[in-house]
Amino acid sequence: MRPKEGEKTMAYTPELSMGASSSLRRIAWALNVPMTKAIERVFETLPQILDTRLICESCRDKSKCPECAFNSHNQTQQEKEEPS
């Protein structure tokens, strides 16, 4: 879910609770990346953990399916593209 070359990024600073911010900071330290990159990695991992079928069924914006990380077709494609 990292921005692709030429892809626009969202200028948004999430408001996190102190606990969530503290957890994210520790993840960032462990990955040796800034918090902004750490949160991207967290989001990249979510489709592997969460029930993607439930997320797709609950989605209110079907126009994003082709690029959605929770779309099972996209997950299969990403697995093929990622080097082992």
PDB file of N, CA and C in Angstrom:
ATOM      1  N   MET A   1       0.801  -1.183   0.000  1.00  0.00           N
ATOM      2  CA  MET A   1       0.000   0.000   0.000  1.00  0.00           C
ATOM      3  C   MET A   1       0.853   1.261   0.000  1.00  0.00           C
ATOM      4  N   ARG A   2       2.101   1.102  -0.256  1.00  0.00           N
ATOM      5  CA  ARG A   2       2.949   2.281  -0.373  1.00  0.00           C
ATOM      6  C   ARG A   2       2.608   3.012  -1.656  1.00  0.00           C
ATOM      7  N   PRO A   3       2.760   4.340  -1.649  1.00  0.00           N
ATOM      8  CA  PRO A   3       2.470   5.088  -2.872  1.00  0.00           C
ATOM      9  C   PRO A   3       3.376   4.632  -4.005  1.00  0.00           C
ATOM     10  N   LYS A   4       2.782   4.417  -5.159  1.00  0.00           N
ATOM     11  CA  LYS A   4       3.555   4.054  -6.334  1.00  0.00           C
ATOM     12  C   LYS A   4       4.153   5.316  -6.912  1.00  0.00           C
ATOM     13  N   GLU A   5       5.152   5.158  -7.747  1.00  0.00           N
ATOM     14  CA  GLU A   5       5.799   6.305  -8.356  1.00  0.00           C
ATOM     15  C   GLU A   5       4.767   7.163  -9.078  1.00  0.00           C
ATOM     16  N   GLY A   6       4.752   8.438  -8.772  1.00  0.00           N
ATOM     17  CA  GLY A   6       3.810   9.371  -9.368  1.00  0.00           C
ATOM     18  C   GLY A   6       2.454   9.419  -8.689  1.00  0.00           C
ATOM     19  N   GLU A   7       2.227   8.519  -7.741  1.00  0.00           N
ATOM     20  CA  GLU A   7       0.944   8.485  -7.038  1.00  0.00           C
ATOM     21  C   GLU A   7       0.903   9.586  -5.986  1.00  0.00           C
ATOM     22  N   LYS A   8      -0.247  10.220  -5.866  1.00  0.00           N
ATOM     23  CA  LYS A   8      -0.405  11.278  -4.872  1.00  0.00           C
ATOM     24  C   LYS A   8      -0.479  10.673  -3.477  1.00  0.00           C
ATOM     25  N   THR A   9       0.052  11.404  -2.509  1.00  0.00           N
ATOM     26  CA  THR A   9      -0.067  10.980  -1.121  1.00  0.00           C
ATOM     27  C   THR A   9      -1.027  11.920  -0.421  1.00  0.00           C
ATOM     28  N   MET A  10      -1.616  11.421   0.620  1.00  0.00           N
ATOM     29  CA  MET A  10      -2.595  12.192   1.367  1.00  0.00           C
ATOM     30  C   MET A  10      -1.880  13.017   2.434  1.00  0.00           C
ATOM     31  N   ALA A  11      -2.083  14.300   2.431  1.00  0.00           N
ATOM     32  CA  ALA A  11      -1.496  15.172   3.446  1.00  0.00           C
ATOM     33  C   ALA A  11      -2.423  15.163   4.649  1.00  0.00           C
ATOM     34  N   TYR A  12      -2.166  14.236   5.564  1.00  0.00           N
ATOM     35  CA  TYR A  12      -3.062  14.048   6.696  1.00  0.00           C
ATOM     36  C   TYR A  12      -2.252  13.552   7.874  1.00  0.00           C
ATOM     37  N   THR A  13      -2.426  14.176   8.982  1.00  0.00           N
ATOM     38  CA  THR A  13      -1.777  13.735  10.201  1.00  0.00           C
ATOM     39  C   THR A  13      -2.837  13.107  11.091  1.00  0.00           C
ATOM     40  N   PRO A  14      -2.771  11.794  11.271  1.00  0.00           N
ATOM     41  CA  PRO A  14      -3.803  11.157  12.094  1.00  0.00           C
ATOM     42  C   PRO A  14      -3.665  11.556  13.559  1.00  0.00           C
ATOM     43  N   GLU A  15      -4.788  11.726  14.200  1.00  0.00           N
ATOM     44  CA  GLU A  15      -4.791  11.988  15.634  1.00  0.00           C
ATOM     45  C   GLU A  15      -4.888  10.650  16.337  1.00  0.00           C
ATOM     46  N   LEU A  16      -3.812  10.261  16.984  1.00  0.00           N
ATOM     47  CA  LEU A  16      -3.753   8.986  17.673  1.00  0.00           C
ATOM     48  C   LEU A  16      -3.854   9.204  19.174  1.00  0.00           C
ATOM     49  N   SER A  17      -4.389   8.226  19.856  1.00  0.00           N
ATOM     50  CA  SER A  17      -4.371   8.281  21.318  1.00  0.00           C
ATOM     51  C   SER A  17      -2.908   8.176  21.767  1.00  0.00           C
ATOM     52  N   MET A  18      -2.647   8.529  22.992  1.00  0.00           N
ATOM     53  CA  MET A  18      -1.277   8.441  23.510  1.00  0.00           C
ATOM     54  C   MET A  18      -0.795   6.987  23.453  1.00  0.00           C
ATOM     55  N   GLY A  19      -1.673   6.050  23.769  1.00  0.00           N
ATOM     56  CA  GLY A  19      -1.299   4.643  23.733  1.00  0.00           C
ATOM     57  C   GLY A  19      -0.968   4.160  22.334  1.00  0.00           C
ATOM     58  N   ALA A  20      -1.810   4.530  21.366  1.00  0.00           N
ATOM     59  CA  ALA A  20      -1.573   4.121  19.979  1.00  0.00           C
ATOM     60  C   ALA A  20      -0.304   4.766  19.438  1.00  0.00           C
ATOM     61  N   SER A  21      -0.090   6.027  19.764  1.00  0.00           N
ATOM     62  CA  SER A  21       1.119   6.719  19.327  1.00  0.00           C
ATOM     63  C   SER A  21       2.364   6.070  19.920  1.00  0.00           C
ATOM     64  N   SER A  22       2.277   5.699  21.182  1.00  0.00           N
ATOM     65  CA  SER A  22       3.395   5.036  21.849  1.00  0.00           C
ATOM     66  C   SER A  22       3.695   3.687  21.186  1.00  0.00           C
ATOM     67  N   SER A  23       2.656   2.926  20.874  1.00  0.00           N
ATOM     68  CA  SER A  23       2.844   1.633  20.210  1.00  0.00           C
ATOM     69  C   SER A  23       3.449   1.811  18.821  1.00  0.00           C
ATOM     70  N   LEU A  24       2.932   2.782  18.080  1.00  0.00           N
ATOM     71  CA  LEU A  24       3.449   3.039  16.741  1.00  0.00           C
ATOM     72  C   LEU A  24       4.913   3.464  16.794  1.00  0.00           C
ATOM     73  N   ARG A  25       5.260   4.287  17.756  1.00  0.00           N
ATOM     74  CA  ARG A  25       6.648   4.727  17.909  1.00  0.00           C
ATOM     75  C   ARG A  25       7.568   3.522  18.128  1.00  0.00           C
ATOM     76  N   ARG A  26       7.141   2.579  18.950  1.00  0.00           N
ATOM     77  CA  ARG A  26       7.942   1.394  19.220  1.00  0.00           C
ATOM     78  C   ARG A  26       8.069   0.500  17.988  1.00  0.00           C
ATOM     79  N   ILE A  27       6.988   0.389  17.218  1.00  0.00           N
ATOM     80  CA  ILE A  27       7.049  -0.355  15.957  1.00  0.00           C
ATOM     81  C   ILE A  27       8.055   0.311  15.022  1.00  0.00           C
ATOM     82  N   ALA A  28       7.994   1.635  14.939  1.00  0.00           N
ATOM     83  CA  ALA A  28       8.913   2.385  14.081  1.00  0.00           C
ATOM     84  C   ALA A  28      10.362   2.164  14.507  1.00  0.00           C
ATOM     85  N   TRP A  29      10.614   2.190  15.803  1.00  0.00           N
ATOM     86  CA  TRP A  29      11.977   1.940  16.286  1.00  0.00           C
ATOM     87  C   TRP A  29      12.439   0.546  15.883  1.00  0.00           C
ATOM     88  N   ALA A  30      11.558  -0.439  16.050  1.00  0.00           N
ATOM     89  CA  ALA A  30      11.919  -1.820  15.729  1.00  0.00           C
ATOM     90  C   ALA A  30      12.207  -2.000  14.244  1.00  0.00           C
ATOM     91  N   LEU A  31      11.461  -1.292  13.398  1.00  0.00           N
ATOM     92  CA  LEU A  31      11.650  -1.383  11.952  1.00  0.00           C
ATOM     93  C   LEU A  31      12.720  -0.426  11.449  1.00  0.00           C
ATOM     94  N   ASN A  32      13.177   0.464  12.351  1.00  0.00           N
ATOM     95  CA  ASN A  32      14.173   1.475  12.008  1.00  0.00           C
ATOM     96  C   ASN A  32      13.690   2.371  10.859  1.00  0.00           C
ATOM     97  N   VAL A  33      12.426   2.789  10.978  1.00  0.00           N
ATOM     98  CA  VAL A  33      11.819   3.679   9.991  1.00  0.00           C
ATOM     99  C   VAL A  33      11.054   4.771  10.723  1.00  0.00           C
ATOM    100  N   PRO A  34      10.739   5.876  10.047  1.00  0.00           N
ATOM    101  CA  PRO A  34       9.910   6.909  10.673  1.00  0.00           C
ATOM    102  C   PRO A  34       8.503   6.375  10.947  1.00  0.00           C
ATOM    103  N   MET A  35       7.812   7.022  11.856  1.00  0.00           N
ATOM    104  CA  MET A  35       6.453   6.591  12.205  1.00  0.00           C
ATOM    105  C   MET A  35       5.524   6.581  10.990  1.00  0.00           C
ATOM    106  N   THR A  36       5.709   7.513  10.069  1.00  0.00           N
ATOM    107  CA  THR A  36       4.855   7.555   8.879  1.00  0.00           C
ATOM    108  C   THR A  36       5.036   6.295   8.030  1.00  0.00           C
ATOM    109  N   LYS A  37       6.243   5.788   7.961  1.00  0.00           N
ATOM    110  CA  LYS A  37       6.504   4.546   7.214  1.00  0.00           C
ATOM    111  C   LYS A  37       6.023   3.341   8.015  1.00  0.00           C
ATOM    112  N   ALA A  38       6.166   3.396   9.334  1.00  0.00           N
ATOM    113  CA  ALA A  38       5.734   2.281  10.180  1.00  0.00           C
ATOM    114  C   ALA A  38       4.229   2.070  10.064  1.00  0.00           C
ATOM    115  N   ILE A  39       3.472   3.146  10.048  1.00  0.00           N
ATOM    116  CA  ILE A  39       2.013   2.992   9.951  1.00  0.00           C
ATOM    117  C   ILE A  39       1.622   2.413   8.586  1.00  0.00           C
ATOM    118  N   GLU A  40       2.376   2.756   7.537  1.00  0.00           N
ATOM    119  CA  GLU A  40       2.123   2.155   6.226  1.00  0.00           C
ATOM    120  C   GLU A  40       2.354   0.652   6.285  1.00  0.00           C
ATOM    121  N   ARG A  41       3.406   0.238   6.976  1.00  0.00           N
ATOM    122  CA  ARG A  41       3.704  -1.200   7.092  1.00  0.00           C
ATOM    123  C   ARG A  41       2.621  -1.918   7.890  1.00  0.00           C
ATOM    124  N   VAL A  42       2.096  -1.246   8.903  1.00  0.00           N
ATOM    125  CA  VAL A  42       0.996  -1.828   9.676  1.00  0.00           C
ATOM    126  C   VAL A  42      -0.197  -2.053   8.742  1.00  0.00           C
ATOM    127  N   PHE A  43      -0.524  -1.048   7.935  1.00  0.00           N
ATOM    128  CA  PHE A  43      -1.647  -1.184   7.011  1.00  0.00           C
ATOM    129  C   PHE A  43      -1.381  -2.242   5.946  1.00  0.00           C
ATOM    130  N   GLU A  44      -0.146  -2.412   5.533  1.00  0.00           N
ATOM    131  CA  GLU A  44       0.191  -3.443   4.550  1.00  0.00           C
ATOM    132  C   GLU A  44      -0.024  -4.844   5.123  1.00  0.00           C
ATOM    133  N   THR A  45       0.115  -4.973   6.427  1.00  0.00           N
ATOM    134  CA  THR A  45      -0.015  -6.273   7.090  1.00  0.00           C
ATOM    135  C   THR A  45      -1.475  -6.624   7.405  1.00  0.00           C
ATOM    136  N   LEU A  46      -2.316  -5.636   7.560  1.00  0.00           N
ATOM    137  CA  LEU A  46      -3.711  -5.881   7.965  1.00  0.00           C
ATOM    138  C   LEU A  46      -4.465  -6.867   7.072  1.00  0.00           C
ATOM    139  N   PRO A  47      -4.332  -6.814   5.747  1.00  0.00           N
ATOM    140  CA  PRO A  47      -5.078  -7.776   4.928  1.00  0.00           C
ATOM    141  C   PRO A  47      -4.699  -9.236   5.214  1.00  0.00           C
ATOM    142  N   GLN A  48      -3.525  -9.474   5.759  1.00  0.00           N
ATOM    143  CA  GLN A  48      -3.097 -10.829   6.100  1.00  0.00           C
ATOM    144  C   GLN A  48      -3.715 -11.299   7.410  1.00  0.00           C
ATOM    145  N   ILE A  49      -4.191 -10.348   8.221  1.00  0.00           N
ATOM    146  CA  ILE A  49      -4.679 -10.659   9.562  1.00  0.00           C
ATOM    147  C   ILE A  49      -6.206 -10.620   9.643  1.00  0.00           C
ATOM    148  N   LEU A  50      -6.799  -9.634   9.005  1.00  0.00           N
ATOM    149  CA  LEU A  50      -8.239  -9.408   9.118  1.00  0.00           C
ATOM    150  C   LEU A  50      -9.039 -10.259   8.135  1.00  0.00           C
ATOM    151  N   ASP A  51     -10.306 -10.421   8.406  1.00  0.00           N
ATOM    152  CA  ASP A  51     -11.225 -11.154   7.535  1.00  0.00           C
ATOM    153  C   ASP A  51     -11.541 -10.265   6.331  1.00  0.00           C
ATOM    154  N   THR A  52     -10.829 -10.485   5.238  1.00  0.00           N
ATOM    155  CA  THR A  52     -10.981  -9.617   4.071  1.00  0.00           C
ATOM    156  C   THR A  52     -12.372  -9.740   3.448  1.00  0.00           C
ATOM    157  N   ARG A  53     -12.972 -10.911   3.540  1.00  0.00           N
ATOM    158  CA  ARG A  53     -14.327 -11.092   2.999  1.00  0.00           C
ATOM    159  C   ARG A  53     -15.306 -10.176   3.729  1.00  0.00           C
ATOM    160  N   LEU A  54     -15.197 -10.125   5.048  1.00  0.00           N
ATOM    161  CA  LEU A  54     -16.073  -9.264   5.848  1.00  0.00           C
ATOM    162  C   LEU A  54     -15.844  -7.790   5.490  1.00  0.00           C
ATOM    163  N   ILE A  55     -14.606  -7.418   5.312  1.00  0.00           N
ATOM    164  CA  ILE A  55     -14.296  -6.024   4.970  1.00  0.00           C
ATOM    165  C   ILE A  55     -14.886  -5.683   3.607  1.00  0.00           C
ATOM    166  N   CYS A  56     -14.714  -6.559   2.633  1.00  0.00           N
ATOM    167  CA  CYS A  56     -15.271  -6.300   1.298  1.00  0.00           C
ATOM    168  C   CYS A  56     -16.792  -6.211   1.333  1.00  0.00           C
ATOM    169  N   GLU A  57     -17.422  -7.112   2.070  1.00  0.00           N
ATOM    170  CA  GLU A  57     -18.881  -7.091   2.169  1.00  0.00           C
ATOM    171  C   GLU A  57     -19.381  -5.815   2.842  1.00  0.00           C
ATOM    172  N   SER A  58     -18.599  -5.252   3.744  1.00  0.00           N
ATOM    173  CA  SER A  58     -18.998  -4.058   4.496  1.00  0.00           C
ATOM    174  C   SER A  58     -18.616  -2.756   3.795  1.00  0.00           C
ATOM    175  N   CYS A  59     -17.833  -2.863   2.743  1.00  0.00           N
ATOM    176  CA  CYS A  59     -17.305  -1.676   2.060  1.00  0.00           C
ATOM    177  C   CYS A  59     -18.431  -0.816   1.484  1.00  0.00           C
ATOM    178  N   ARG A  60     -18.250   0.482   1.591  1.00  0.00           N
ATOM    179  CA  ARG A  60     -19.240   1.437   1.070  1.00  0.00           C
ATOM    180  C   ARG A  60     -18.736   2.182  -0.162  1.00  0.00           C
ATOM    181  N   ASP A  61     -17.555   1.795  -0.664  1.00  0.00           N
ATOM    182  CA  ASP A  61     -16.994   2.459  -1.841  1.00  0.00           C
ATOM    183  C   ASP A  61     -16.430   1.406  -2.790  1.00  0.00           C
ATOM    184  N   LYS A  62     -17.307   0.784  -3.544  1.00  0.00           N
ATOM    185  CA  LYS A  62     -16.917  -0.295  -4.457  1.00  0.00           C
ATOM    186  C   LYS A  62     -16.076   0.203  -5.640  1.00  0.00           C
ATOM    187  N   SER A  63     -15.967   1.515  -5.818  1.00  0.00           N
ATOM    188  CA  SER A  63     -15.180   2.041  -6.931  1.00  0.00           C
ATOM    189  C   SER A  63     -13.681   1.816  -6.724  1.00  0.00           C
ATOM    190  N   LYS A  64     -13.257   1.505  -5.518  1.00  0.00           N
ATOM    191  CA  LYS A  64     -11.831   1.327  -5.216  1.00  0.00           C
ATOM    192  C   LYS A  64     -11.392  -0.138  -5.231  1.00  0.00           C
ATOM    193  N   CYS A  65     -12.298  -1.057  -5.545  1.00  0.00           N
ATOM    194  CA  CYS A  65     -11.975  -2.492  -5.514  1.00  0.00           C
ATOM    195  C   CYS A  65     -10.719  -2.860  -6.320  1.00  0.00           C
ATOM    196  N   PRO A  66     -10.539  -2.324  -7.527  1.00  0.00           N
ATOM    197  CA  PRO A  66      -9.372  -2.740  -8.306  1.00  0.00           C
ATOM    198  C   PRO A  66      -8.026  -2.498  -7.615  1.00  0.00           C
ATOM    199  N   GLU A  67      -7.941  -1.461  -6.787  1.00  0.00           N
ATOM    200  CA  GLU A  67      -6.662  -1.193  -6.117  1.00  0.00           C
ATOM    201  C   GLU A  67      -6.694  -1.477  -4.614  1.00  0.00           C
ATOM    202  N   CYS A  68      -7.800  -2.005  -4.115  1.00  0.00           N
ATOM    203  CA  CYS A  68      -7.953  -2.217  -2.680  1.00  0.00           C
ATOM    204  C   CYS A  68      -7.103  -3.383  -2.181  1.00  0.00           C
ATOM    205  N   ALA A  69      -6.410  -3.177  -1.083  1.00  0.00           N
ATOM    206  CA  ALA A  69      -5.563  -4.215  -0.487  1.00  0.00           C
ATOM    207  C   ALA A  69      -6.380  -5.365   0.075  1.00  0.00           C
ATOM    208  N   PHE A  70      -7.650  -5.150   0.349  1.00  0.00           N
ATOM    209  CA  PHE A  70      -8.491  -6.203   0.906  1.00  0.00           C
ATOM    210  C   PHE A  70      -9.166  -7.046  -0.171  1.00  0.00           C
ATOM    211  N   ASN A  71      -9.026  -6.658  -1.425  1.00  0.00           N
ATOM    212  CA  ASN A  71      -9.570  -7.423  -2.537  1.00  0.00           C
ATOM    213  C   ASN A  71      -8.713  -8.677  -2.697  1.00  0.00           C
ATOM    214  N   SER A  72      -9.319  -9.857  -2.560  1.00  0.00           N
ATOM    215  CA  SER A  72      -8.545 -11.105  -2.582  1.00  0.00           C
ATOM    216  C   SER A  72      -7.788 -11.287  -3.896  1.00  0.00           C
ATOM    217  N   HIS A  73      -8.319 -10.805  -5.003  1.00  0.00           N
ATOM    218  CA  HIS A  73      -7.608 -10.877  -6.280  1.00  0.00           C
ATOM    219  C   HIS A  73      -6.313 -10.066  -6.210  1.00  0.00           C
ATOM    220  N   ASN A  74      -6.374  -8.887  -5.601  1.00  0.00           N
ATOM    221  CA  ASN A  74      -5.179  -8.055  -5.476  1.00  0.00           C
ATOM    222  C   ASN A  74      -4.142  -8.704  -4.571  1.00  0.00           C
ATOM    223  N   GLN A  75      -4.575  -9.377  -3.520  1.00  0.00           N
ATOM    224  CA  GLN A  75      -3.646 -10.044  -2.615  1.00  0.00           C
ATOM    225  C   GLN A  75      -2.884 -11.127  -3.360  1.00  0.00           C
ATOM    226  N   THR A  76      -3.568 -11.887  -4.209  1.00  0.00           N
ATOM    227  CA  THR A  76      -2.921 -12.934  -4.987  1.00  0.00           C
ATOM    228  C   THR A  76      -1.892 -12.324  -5.923  1.00  0.00           C
ATOM    229  N   GLN A  77      -2.238 -11.210  -6.569  1.00  0.00           N
ATOM    230  CA  GLN A  77      -1.317 -10.531  -7.474  1.00  0.00           C
ATOM    231  C   GLN A  77      -0.090 -10.031  -6.725  1.00  0.00           C
ATOM    232  N   GLN A  78      -0.288  -9.436  -5.535  1.00  0.00           N
ATOM    233  CA  GLN A  78       0.821  -8.913  -4.753  1.00  0.00           C
ATOM    234  C   GLN A  78       1.758 -10.032  -4.332  1.00  0.00           C
ATOM    235  N   GLU A  79       1.208 -11.193  -3.962  1.00  0.00           N
ATOM    236  CA  GLU A  79       2.034 -12.314  -3.573  1.00  0.00           C
ATOM    237  C   GLU A  79       2.903 -12.787  -4.733  1.00  0.00           C
ATOM    238  N   LYS A  80       2.356 -12.766  -5.945  1.00  0.00           N
ATOM    239  CA  LYS A  80       3.112 -13.176  -7.135  1.00  0.00           C
ATOM    240  C   LYS A  80       4.222 -12.180  -7.441  1.00  0.00           C
ATOM    241  N   GLU A  81       3.958 -10.878  -7.202  1.00  0.00           N
ATOM    242  CA  GLU A  81       4.917  -9.831  -7.544  1.00  0.00           C
ATOM    243  C   GLU A  81       6.029  -9.689  -6.513  1.00  0.00           C
ATOM    244  N   GLU A  82       5.765 -10.050  -5.243  1.00  0.00           N
ATOM    245  CA  GLU A  82       6.761  -9.876  -4.196  1.00  0.00           C
ATOM    246  C   GLU A  82       7.833 -10.938  -4.315  1.00  0.00           C
ATOM    247  N   PRO A  83       9.105 -10.520  -4.294  1.00  0.00           N
ATOM    248  CA  PRO A  83      10.184 -11.509  -4.331  1.00  0.00           C
ATOM    249  C   PRO A  83      10.259 -12.287  -3.033  1.00  0.00           C
ATOM    250  N   SER A  84      10.600 -13.544  -3.104  1.00  0.00           N
ATOM    251  CA  SER A  84      10.686 -14.392  -1.903  1.00  0.00           C
ATOM    252  C   SER A  84      11.985 -14.217  -1.168  1.00  0.00           C
TER     253      SER A  84
END
